[in-house]
Structure formats: structure tokens, C-alpha cells
Amino acid sequence: MDKSQNAGYQAGQAKGQAQEKGNQMMDKASNAAQSCKETMQETGEQAKAKAQGAADGVKNATGMNN
């Protein structure tokens, strides 16, 4: 292998490694976004349940539940 072939091979290797690193970073970002989405959905459901409980408490206290 002459110098130009070796340089081309090394450039190809570097490009492949950079692409793989980029893919890994994108996977991590995607996983973080999915985790955040799930946490927000969970938080929203908990807030909704608390609000419903508070509304039911007011209805019971005011006799509107009968």
C-alpha cells in the first residue's frame, strides 16, 4: 500500500469512527428525550389525579356529590 492509499484508508477509518460517534450521540439524545417525555406524562397524570381528588373533596364538602 503506498502513501496515498494509506492516507485514504486512514481518512475512511476516521470518517467511519466520526459517523459512529455521531450515531451514538443521537441515540443518547433520543433516549434522553424519550425519558423526559415519559416523566412529563407521569407528572401530568399525577397532577390530574390530584386535581380530580381536590374537586371531589370540594363536591363532598359542599354536598354537590349527592
N, C-alpha and C. Protein backbone atom coordinates (compact mmCIF):
# COMPACT_ATOMS: atom_id res chain seq x y z
N MET A 1 0.86 -1.17 0.00
CA MET A 1 0.00 0.00 0.00
C MET A 1 0.90 1.24 0.00
N ASP A 2 0.70 2.13 -0.96
CA ASP A 2 1.53 3.33 -0.99
C ASP A 2 0.95 4.40 -0.07
N LYS A 3 1.64 5.52 0.03
CA LYS A 3 1.25 6.58 0.98
C LYS A 3 -0.14 7.12 0.70
N SER A 4 -0.50 7.31 -0.57
CA SER A 4 -1.82 7.88 -0.88
C SER A 4 -2.93 6.88 -0.54
N GLN A 5 -2.69 5.60 -0.77
CA GLN A 5 -3.69 4.60 -0.40
C GLN A 5 -3.83 4.53 1.12
N ASN A 6 -2.72 4.59 1.81
CA ASN A 6 -2.74 4.56 3.27
C ASN A 6 -3.48 5.78 3.83
N ALA A 7 -3.22 6.94 3.25
CA ALA A 7 -3.90 8.16 3.71
C ALA A 7 -5.40 8.05 3.45
N GLY A 8 -5.77 7.51 2.30
CA GLY A 8 -7.20 7.34 2.00
C GLY A 8 -7.85 6.36 2.95
N TYR A 9 -7.15 5.29 3.27
CA TYR A 9 -7.67 4.29 4.21
C TYR A 9 -7.88 4.92 5.58
N GLN A 10 -6.89 5.68 6.04
CA GLN A 10 -6.98 6.33 7.36
C GLN A 10 -8.11 7.35 7.39
N ALA A 11 -8.28 8.07 6.28
CA ALA A 11 -9.37 9.06 6.21
C ALA A 11 -10.72 8.34 6.28
N GLY A 12 -10.82 7.22 5.59
CA GLY A 12 -12.06 6.43 5.64
C GLY A 12 -12.34 5.91 7.04
N GLN A 13 -11.29 5.46 7.71
CA GLN A 13 -11.44 4.98 9.08
C GLN A 13 -11.92 6.11 10.00
N ALA A 14 -11.31 7.27 9.85
CA ALA A 14 -11.68 8.42 10.69
C ALA A 14 -13.13 8.82 10.42
N LYS A 15 -13.53 8.80 9.15
CA LYS A 15 -14.91 9.16 8.80
C LYS A 15 -15.88 8.16 9.42
N GLY A 16 -15.56 6.89 9.33
CA GLY A 16 -16.43 5.86 9.92
C GLY A 16 -16.55 6.01 11.42
N GLN A 17 -15.45 6.31 12.08
CA GLN A 17 -15.47 6.49 13.53
C GLN A 17 -16.29 7.73 13.90
N ALA A 18 -16.16 8.79 13.13
CA ALA A 18 -16.92 10.01 13.40
C ALA A 18 -18.41 9.77 13.21
N GLN A 19 -18.77 9.01 12.17
CA GLN A 19 -20.18 8.69 11.95
C GLN A 19 -20.74 7.86 13.10
N GLU A 20 -19.98 6.88 13.54
CA GLU A 20 -20.42 6.03 14.65
C GLU A 20 -20.59 6.85 15.92
N LYS A 21 -19.65 7.74 16.19
CA LYS A 21 -19.75 8.60 17.38
C LYS A 21 -21.00 9.49 17.28
N GLY A 22 -21.25 10.02 16.07
CA GLY A 22 -22.44 10.84 15.87
C GLY A 22 -23.71 10.04 16.09
N ASN A 23 -23.72 8.80 15.61
CA ASN A 23 -24.89 7.93 15.82
C ASN A 23 -25.11 7.65 17.30
N GLN A 24 -24.02 7.42 18.02
CA GLN A 24 -24.13 7.16 19.46
C GLN A 24 -24.70 8.38 20.18
N MET A 25 -24.23 9.55 19.80
CA MET A 25 -24.72 10.78 20.43
C MET A 25 -26.20 11.00 20.13
N MET A 26 -26.61 10.71 18.90
CA MET A 26 -28.02 10.85 18.54
C MET A 26 -28.88 9.85 19.31
N ASP A 27 -28.38 8.64 19.49
CA ASP A 27 -29.11 7.64 20.27
C ASP A 27 -29.28 8.11 21.72
N LYS A 28 -28.21 8.65 22.30
CA LYS A 28 -28.28 9.14 23.67
C LYS A 28 -29.29 10.29 23.79
N ALA A 29 -29.26 11.20 22.82
CA ALA A 29 -30.19 12.33 22.84
C ALA A 29 -31.62 11.84 22.70
N SER A 30 -31.83 10.87 21.83
CA SER A 30 -33.17 10.31 21.63
C SER A 30 -33.66 9.63 22.90
N ASN A 31 -32.79 8.87 23.54
CA ASN A 31 -33.16 8.20 24.79
C ASN A 31 -33.49 9.21 25.88
N ALA A 32 -32.72 10.28 25.96
CA ALA A 32 -32.97 11.31 26.96
C ALA A 32 -34.31 12.00 26.69
N ALA A 33 -34.60 12.27 25.43
CA ALA A 33 -35.87 12.91 25.08
C ALA A 33 -37.04 12.00 25.42
N GLN A 34 -36.91 10.71 25.13
CA GLN A 34 -37.98 9.76 25.44
C GLN A 34 -38.20 9.67 26.95
N SER A 35 -37.12 9.64 27.70
CA SER A 35 -37.22 9.58 29.16
C SER A 35 -37.91 10.83 29.71
N CYS A 36 -37.55 11.97 29.16
CA CYS A 36 -38.17 13.23 29.58
C CYS A 36 -39.66 13.22 29.27
N LYS A 37 -40.02 12.76 28.09
CA LYS A 37 -41.42 12.68 27.68
C LYS A 37 -42.21 11.80 28.65
N GLU A 38 -41.65 10.64 28.99
CA GLU A 38 -42.33 9.72 29.90
C GLU A 38 -42.49 10.34 31.28
N THR A 39 -41.45 11.04 31.75
CA THR A 39 -41.52 11.69 33.06
C THR A 39 -42.59 12.77 33.06
N MET A 40 -42.64 13.55 31.99
CA MET A 40 -43.64 14.62 31.92
C MET A 40 -45.06 14.05 31.87
N GLN A 41 -45.25 12.95 31.13
CA GLN A 41 -46.57 12.32 31.08
C GLN A 41 -46.98 11.82 32.46
N GLU A 42 -46.03 11.22 33.17
CA GLU A 42 -46.29 10.72 34.51
C GLU A 42 -46.65 11.86 35.45
N THR A 43 -45.90 12.95 35.35
CA THR A 43 -46.15 14.11 36.20
C THR A 43 -47.53 14.70 35.89
N GLY A 44 -47.87 14.76 34.61
CA GLY A 44 -49.18 15.27 34.21
C GLY A 44 -50.31 14.41 34.74
N GLU A 45 -50.13 13.10 34.69
CA GLU A 45 -51.16 12.19 35.20
C GLU A 45 -51.32 12.34 36.71
N GLN A 46 -50.19 12.52 37.41
CA GLN A 46 -50.26 12.70 38.86
C GLN A 46 -50.97 14.01 39.19
N ALA A 47 -50.68 15.07 38.46
CA ALA A 47 -51.32 16.36 38.69
C ALA A 47 -52.82 16.27 38.41
N LYS A 48 -53.17 15.56 37.36
CA LYS A 48 -54.59 15.38 37.01
C LYS A 48 -55.31 14.63 38.12
N ALA A 49 -54.69 13.58 38.65
CA ALA A 49 -55.30 12.80 39.72
C ALA A 49 -55.48 13.65 40.98
N LYS A 50 -54.48 14.48 41.30
CA LYS A 50 -54.59 15.35 42.46
C LYS A 50 -55.70 16.37 42.28
N ALA A 51 -55.79 16.94 41.08
CA ALA A 51 -56.84 17.92 40.82
C ALA A 51 -58.21 17.27 40.91
N GLN A 52 -58.35 16.05 40.40
CA GLN A 52 -59.63 15.34 40.48
C GLN A 52 -59.98 15.06 41.93
N GLY A 53 -58.98 14.67 42.71
CA GLY A 53 -59.21 14.41 44.13
C GLY A 53 -59.65 15.68 44.85
N ALA A 54 -59.03 16.80 44.51
CA ALA A 54 -59.41 18.07 45.14
C ALA A 54 -60.83 18.45 44.74
N ALA A 55 -61.17 18.26 43.48
CA ALA A 55 -62.52 18.58 43.01
C ALA A 55 -63.55 17.70 43.71
N ASP A 56 -63.23 16.43 43.85
CA ASP A 56 -64.15 15.52 44.55
C ASP A 56 -64.32 15.93 46.01
N GLY A 57 -63.22 16.38 46.63
CA GLY A 57 -63.28 16.85 48.02
C GLY A 57 -64.19 18.05 48.16
N VAL A 58 -64.11 18.98 47.23
CA VAL A 58 -64.98 20.17 47.26
C VAL A 58 -66.43 19.76 47.07
N LYS A 59 -66.67 18.85 46.13
CA LYS A 59 -68.05 18.38 45.90
C LYS A 59 -68.62 17.73 47.15
N ASN A 60 -67.80 16.90 47.81
CA ASN A 60 -68.26 16.25 49.04
C ASN A 60 -68.52 17.26 50.15
N ALA A 61 -67.63 18.24 50.28
CA ALA A 61 -67.77 19.24 51.33
C ALA A 61 -68.98 20.13 51.11
N THR A 62 -69.32 20.40 49.86
CA THR A 62 -70.45 21.29 49.59
C THR A 62 -71.75 20.53 49.35
N GLY A 63 -71.69 19.22 49.38
CA GLY A 63 -72.90 18.42 49.18
C GLY A 63 -73.30 18.30 47.72
N MET A 64 -72.42 18.66 46.80
CA MET A 64 -72.76 18.59 45.38
C MET A 64 -72.61 17.17 44.83
N ASN A 65 -72.12 16.26 45.64
CA ASN A 65 -71.87 14.91 45.17
C ASN A 65 -73.09 14.03 45.31
N ASN A 66 -74.14 14.55 45.89
CA ASN A 66 -75.36 13.74 46.11
C ASN A 66 -76.31 13.85 44.97
